[in-house]
Amino acid sequence: MEFKYIVNKNFESINQILVSELDLSTRLMNKLIKNKKIYLNDNIVDTRIAPSIGDTIAIDLNYEEDNSNIIPKHISLNIIYEDEWILVIDKPSGIAVHPSILHFDDSLSNGVRYYFDKIRFKEKNKACK
């Protein structure tokens, strides 16, 4: 998925737009910068520069994250909404969001990893038939 933003006022930097206008977290911003997924007028850009009014900033959200440290485990998920890009889950209280020393294989992330692996397996089997 690609997100586009047209600059409509003066900003000190593209970073300022990413934080103040688009509400990106620092962590996501750093991942996008590291993976060269932020563009100014269709060119990969140093996000510390100031854009001009009318410039187009594009953010390419198509990148893979390493999730090899997350062990898939069947956990009952209460899925509220799902489409090609978004999975909304009603998270029960008391369940950890991501693996940790105390919750190595019983976190929400473990359940989501299992769910996505199961979907991929089904899609591959459909393609083979």
Protein backbone atom coordinates (compact mmCIF):
# COMPACT_ATOMS: atom_id res chain seq x y z
CA MET A 1 0.00 0.00 0.00
CA GLU A 2 1.27 3.47 -0.82
CA PHE A 3 0.15 6.57 1.01
CA LYS A 4 0.52 10.03 -0.59
CA TYR A 5 0.52 13.45 1.05
CA ILE A 6 0.62 16.75 -0.84
CA VAL A 7 2.49 19.46 1.05
CA ASN A 8 0.11 22.39 1.60
CA LYS A 9 2.16 24.65 3.91
CA ASN A 10 5.75 25.26 4.92
CA PHE A 11 7.49 22.65 7.07
CA GLU A 12 11.04 22.51 8.43
CA SER A 13 11.48 18.90 7.26
CA ILE A 14 9.72 15.86 5.92
CA ASN A 15 10.22 14.31 9.36
CA GLN A 16 8.04 17.08 10.80
CA ILE A 17 5.25 16.15 8.36
CA LEU A 18 5.56 12.45 9.19
CA VAL A 19 5.17 13.14 12.89
CA SER A 20 2.84 16.14 13.12
CA GLU A 21 0.59 15.62 10.09
CA LEU A 22 0.63 11.84 9.61
CA ASP A 23 1.10 10.77 13.25
CA LEU A 24 3.75 8.16 12.41
CA SER A 25 5.56 6.66 15.35
CA THR A 26 9.31 7.16 15.57
CA ARG A 27 9.78 3.41 15.28
CA LEU A 28 7.75 3.14 12.05
CA MET A 29 9.39 6.26 10.65
CA ASN A 30 12.86 4.80 11.28
CA LYS A 31 11.89 1.50 9.60
CA LEU A 32 10.56 3.34 6.55
CA ILE A 33 13.69 5.48 6.31
CA LYS A 34 15.99 2.47 6.75
CA ASN A 35 14.12 0.55 4.04
CA LYS A 36 14.12 3.60 1.71
CA LYS A 37 10.33 3.71 1.53
CA ILE A 38 9.79 7.49 1.72
CA TYR A 39 9.74 9.47 -1.52
CA LEU A 40 9.57 13.12 -2.45
CA ASN A 41 8.17 13.64 -5.94
CA ASP A 42 8.90 9.97 -6.80
CA ASN A 43 12.53 10.07 -5.59
CA ILE A 44 13.92 8.44 -2.46
CA VAL A 45 14.59 11.30 -0.09
CA ASP A 46 16.55 12.33 2.98
CA THR A 47 13.67 13.13 5.32
CA ARG A 48 15.64 15.89 7.05
CA ILE A 49 15.15 18.23 4.09
CA ALA A 50 12.38 20.82 3.84
CA PRO A 51 9.80 20.15 1.13
CA SER A 52 8.15 22.86 -0.95
CA ILE A 53 4.44 23.58 -1.11
CA GLY A 54 2.92 21.33 -3.79
CA ASP A 55 5.50 18.56 -3.36
CA THR A 56 4.18 15.02 -3.04
CA ILE A 57 5.44 12.78 -0.27
CA ALA A 58 4.81 9.09 -0.85
CA ILE A 59 5.19 6.40 1.78
CA ASP A 60 5.48 2.83 0.54
CA LEU A 61 4.19 0.49 3.25
CA ASN A 62 5.03 -2.64 1.26
CA TYR A 63 7.90 -4.15 3.15
CA GLU A 64 8.49 -7.37 5.02
CA GLU A 65 9.46 -7.48 8.66
CA ASP A 66 11.48 -10.29 10.18
CA ASN A 67 9.09 -12.23 12.38
CA SER A 68 11.19 -15.38 12.65
CA ASN A 69 11.46 -14.89 16.42
CA ILE A 70 7.67 -15.18 16.83
CA ILE A 71 6.61 -18.79 17.31
CA PRO A 72 3.19 -19.48 15.76
CA LYS A 73 0.71 -20.76 18.33
CA HIS A 74 -3.02 -21.31 18.04
CA ILE A 75 -4.73 -18.70 20.20
CA SER A 76 -8.41 -17.92 19.85
CA LEU A 77 -8.67 -14.51 18.16
CA ASN A 78 -11.79 -12.36 18.25
CA ILE A 79 -11.45 -10.76 14.81
CA ILE A 80 -13.62 -7.67 14.49
CA TYR A 81 -12.60 -6.66 10.95
CA GLU A 82 -10.20 -7.89 8.31
CA ASP A 83 -9.28 -6.85 4.79
CA GLU A 84 -6.17 -7.05 2.63
CA TRP A 85 -4.29 -4.52 4.80
CA ILE A 86 -5.90 -4.40 8.23
CA LEU A 87 -6.64 -6.91 10.95
CA VAL A 88 -8.66 -5.57 13.91
CA ILE A 89 -8.75 -7.81 16.96
CA ASP A 90 -10.64 -7.42 20.23
CA LYS A 91 -7.71 -8.11 22.57
CA PRO A 92 -8.68 -9.66 25.88
CA SER A 93 -7.20 -8.07 28.97
CA GLY A 94 -4.24 -9.87 30.45
CA ILE A 95 -2.80 -11.21 27.21
CA ALA A 96 0.62 -9.87 26.22
CA VAL A 97 0.85 -8.11 22.85
CA HIS A 98 4.28 -9.35 21.84
CA PRO A 99 6.65 -12.11 22.98
CA SER A 100 8.81 -11.46 26.00
CA ILE A 101 10.76 -13.48 28.53
CA LEU A 102 7.54 -14.13 30.47
CA HIS A 103 5.33 -14.65 27.39
CA PHE A 104 7.56 -16.31 24.83
CA ASP A 105 4.82 -18.23 23.01
CA ASP A 106 1.50 -17.07 24.45
CA SER A 107 1.23 -13.49 23.20
CA LEU A 108 -1.20 -11.94 20.76
CA SER A 109 1.65 -11.82 18.21
CA ASN A 110 2.05 -15.60 18.45
CA GLY A 111 -1.66 -16.04 17.72
CA VAL A 112 -1.61 -13.58 14.81
CA ARG A 113 1.48 -15.28 13.34
CA TYR A 114 -0.31 -18.64 13.53
CA TYR A 115 -3.41 -17.13 11.90
CA PHE A 116 -1.44 -15.57 9.02
CA ASP A 117 0.58 -18.75 8.47
CA LYS A 118 -2.71 -20.69 8.31
CA ILE A 119 -4.15 -18.22 5.75
CA ARG A 120 -1.02 -18.48 3.57
CA PHE A 121 -1.21 -22.27 3.73
CA LYS A 122 -4.85 -22.22 2.59
CA GLU A 123 -4.09 -19.75 -0.22
CA LYS A 124 -1.19 -21.91 -1.48
CA ASN A 125 -3.42 -24.99 -1.48
CA LYS A 126 -6.15 -23.15 -3.44
CA ALA A 127 -3.58 -22.08 -6.04
CA CYS A 128 -2.37 -25.68 -6.46
CA LYS A 129 -5.86 -27.07 -7.19
